[in-house]
Structures are given as structure tokens and as C-alpha cells.
Amino acid sequence: MANGRRRRNQGNPEEIKEVIENINKVDMLKNLKPKEFADEGRYADIIAKNSDLDTTQLRKFFGAIRDIEKENKWEDMETDFYLLKPKMAYAVGRGLIKKPFYDFMMSCMRKVDLGTEEEKKENYKAMVNILEAVVAYHKFYNAK
């Protein structure tokens, strides 16, 4: 099918590793430009194409992240944010999400709790934007 849509990709771990390395290089997630993660062929597209994601699990995780975003202060967000990490690990252990996606999300999450309270909120918003782009590309590749 055109543009590779609906084609199940077993994933390219090297491409995912490269995305993770690039994210690890930035000081704070808020410093990533939208072009770097949202443009076609960039981070979100690569992750969606190569992570063999389950739609239900991706939407569930994205919904949890959006719920946390509704809080006004980092101190109100912090507990739920940190609880996402063991929830994701549990999902990997149960085979609901794949380890490369977990590694990608952990690299993003490590860049959230940095700086002032306002910077942490900006970093969190950047993570939401990145995951939103992953969800969009995932839908593109897995349209029914």
C-alpha cells in the first residue's frame, strides 16, 4: 500500500536507539523543536513505525499522561508522573508494550523532572506533544 500504510513493521531497533540517543543529548525536553520530533521521518514517526505498538495500550498510556497534564502545579503532577514508570514496566513484563517503546518513553521521562517547577511543566508538555505525535503517526500506519 502507498507510503507503507497498514504494513506491520517488526521494527528497527537501531532507528529507535538513535532517537533515544538524540533525546538523551538535550538538556531538557522542552528544548526539542517540534520539527525534530513531529516532522515526517523524525522521532515520533520513527517510533510509531518501529515500535510494534498496541493501539489500546498506546491510547491508555496517552490518556494517563493527558490526565496528569490537567494539574496546575508540578508538585501535584509529580506523584502520578513517577507512578507511570512502574506501570510501563509492568506493561512490558506482561507483553502489552514492547521494550523499545518503554526505553523511548523512559528517555523522555528522564528529561521531564529537570529545572524549576515551571521548566518541569514545560518539559512535561513537550513529552505530551511528542507522544501525541507518536499516536498520530501510529494511527496513520495502522488505519483501518
Protein backbone atom coordinates (compact mmCIF):
# COMPACT_ATOMS: atom_id res chain seq x y z
CA MET A 1 0.00 0.00 0.00
CA ALA A 2 1.21 3.56 -0.66
CA ASN A 3 3.60 5.08 1.89
CA GLY A 4 3.77 1.80 3.80
CA ARG A 5 0.39 2.28 5.47
CA ARG A 6 -1.16 -0.71 7.18
CA ARG A 7 2.07 -2.59 6.88
CA ARG A 8 3.11 -4.21 10.14
CA ASN A 9 6.72 -3.43 10.74
CA GLN A 10 8.72 -5.64 13.06
CA GLY A 11 10.73 -2.57 13.93
CA ASN A 12 14.23 -1.36 13.51
CA PRO A 13 15.88 -1.22 16.94
CA GLU A 14 18.80 0.80 15.56
CA GLU A 15 16.50 3.64 14.48
CA ILE A 16 14.86 3.65 17.91
CA LYS A 17 18.27 3.68 19.61
CA GLU A 18 19.27 6.67 17.50
CA VAL A 19 16.12 8.55 18.55
CA ILE A 20 16.85 7.74 22.21
CA GLU A 21 20.45 8.91 21.86
CA ASN A 22 19.28 12.20 20.35
CA ILE A 23 16.77 12.75 23.15
CA ASN A 24 19.44 11.95 25.73
CA LYS A 25 21.63 14.71 24.27
CA VAL A 26 19.19 17.56 25.00
CA ASP A 27 19.40 19.29 28.37
CA MET A 28 15.64 19.50 28.77
CA LEU A 29 12.81 18.02 26.74
CA LYS A 30 11.32 21.49 26.21
CA ASN A 31 14.41 22.30 24.13
CA LEU A 32 13.39 19.86 21.39
CA LYS A 33 11.97 21.72 18.43
CA PRO A 34 8.65 20.39 17.05
CA LYS A 35 10.35 19.83 13.68
CA GLU A 36 12.75 17.39 15.39
CA PHE A 37 10.03 15.14 16.76
CA ALA A 38 6.87 15.84 14.75
CA ASP A 39 8.06 16.17 11.17
CA GLU A 40 7.63 13.20 8.83
CA GLY A 41 10.54 10.83 9.16
CA ARG A 42 11.61 12.25 12.53
CA TYR A 43 11.38 10.92 16.11
CA ALA A 44 7.62 10.35 16.50
CA ASP A 45 7.32 8.87 13.01
CA ILE A 46 10.28 6.55 13.64
CA ILE A 47 8.87 5.39 16.99
CA ALA A 48 5.39 4.78 15.56
CA LYS A 49 6.82 2.89 12.61
CA ASN A 50 9.30 0.74 14.53
CA SER A 51 7.83 0.02 17.96
CA ASP A 52 5.11 -2.50 17.03
CA LEU A 53 2.71 -0.72 19.38
CA ASP A 54 -0.67 -2.00 20.51
CA THR A 55 -3.27 0.70 19.85
CA THR A 56 -5.16 0.07 23.08
CA GLN A 57 -2.06 0.27 25.26
CA LEU A 58 -0.78 3.36 23.46
CA ARG A 59 -4.10 5.17 23.89
CA LYS A 60 -4.35 4.08 27.53
CA PHE A 61 -0.89 5.42 28.31
CA PHE A 62 -1.51 8.63 26.36
CA GLY A 63 -4.79 9.15 28.26
CA ALA A 64 -2.98 8.77 31.59
CA ILE A 65 -0.39 11.33 30.52
CA ARG A 66 -3.10 13.78 29.45
CA ASP A 67 -4.89 13.38 32.79
CA ILE A 68 -1.74 14.31 34.69
CA GLU A 69 -1.28 17.35 32.47
CA LYS A 70 -4.53 18.84 33.85
CA GLU A 71 -2.84 19.63 37.18
CA ASN A 72 -1.63 23.21 37.62
CA LYS A 73 1.46 22.64 39.76
CA TRP A 74 4.37 20.27 39.29
CA GLU A 75 4.07 19.12 42.90
CA ASP A 76 0.52 17.95 42.10
CA MET A 77 1.72 16.16 38.95
CA GLU A 78 4.88 14.61 40.35
CA THR A 79 3.47 11.52 42.13
CA ASP A 80 1.34 10.43 39.17
CA PHE A 81 4.22 11.14 36.81
CA TYR A 82 6.60 8.86 38.72
CA LEU A 83 3.96 6.15 39.02
CA LEU A 84 3.83 5.96 35.22
CA LYS A 85 7.29 4.38 35.22
CA PRO A 86 6.39 1.20 37.13
CA LYS A 87 3.09 0.99 35.24
CA MET A 88 5.01 0.97 31.98
CA ALA A 89 7.47 -1.60 33.33
CA TYR A 90 4.52 -3.78 34.35
CA ALA A 91 3.05 -3.46 30.83
CA VAL A 92 6.39 -4.57 29.35
CA GLY A 93 6.52 -7.51 31.75
CA ARG A 94 3.04 -8.59 30.67
CA GLY A 95 3.96 -8.23 26.99
CA LEU A 96 1.49 -5.39 26.45
CA ILE A 97 4.11 -2.92 25.22
CA LYS A 98 7.48 -3.64 23.70
CA LYS A 99 10.78 -2.82 25.39
CA PRO A 100 11.95 -0.36 22.67
CA PHE A 101 8.89 1.84 23.27
CA TYR A 102 9.49 1.63 27.03
CA ASP A 103 13.13 2.68 26.51
CA PHE A 104 12.00 5.61 24.37
CA MET A 105 9.47 6.77 26.96
CA MET A 106 11.99 6.41 29.79
CA SER A 107 14.46 8.59 27.89
CA CYS A 108 11.74 11.23 27.55
CA MET A 109 10.63 10.91 31.16
CA ARG A 110 14.19 11.32 32.48
CA LYS A 111 14.21 14.75 30.80
CA VAL A 112 10.99 15.93 32.46
CA ASP A 113 11.92 16.39 36.12
CA LEU A 114 14.69 18.93 35.47
CA GLY A 115 14.95 22.62 36.28
CA THR A 116 12.47 24.87 38.03
CA GLU A 117 8.84 23.94 38.63
CA GLU A 118 7.86 25.92 35.52
CA GLU A 119 10.54 24.19 33.42
CA LYS A 120 9.36 20.79 34.64
CA LYS A 121 5.84 21.64 33.48
CA GLU A 122 7.23 22.79 30.11
CA ASN A 123 9.24 19.56 29.83
CA TYR A 124 6.11 17.58 30.65
CA LYS A 125 4.14 19.46 27.98
CA ALA A 126 6.90 18.64 25.48
CA MET A 127 6.58 14.94 26.40
CA VAL A 128 2.81 15.15 25.85
CA ASN A 129 3.40 16.73 22.42
CA ILE A 130 5.91 14.04 21.46
CA LEU A 131 3.57 11.23 22.50
CA GLU A 132 0.66 12.92 20.73
CA ALA A 133 2.73 12.89 17.53
CA VAL A 134 3.54 9.19 18.07
CA VAL A 135 -0.19 8.44 18.48
CA ALA A 136 -0.97 10.34 15.27
CA TYR A 137 1.67 8.54 13.22
CA HIS A 138 0.65 5.23 14.75
CA LYS A 139 -2.91 5.84 13.56
CA PHE A 140 -1.58 6.72 10.11
CA TYR A 141 0.33 3.44 9.85
CA ASN A 142 -2.45 1.36 11.37
CA ALA A 143 -5.57 2.92 9.83
CA LYS A 144 -8.45 0.51 9.37
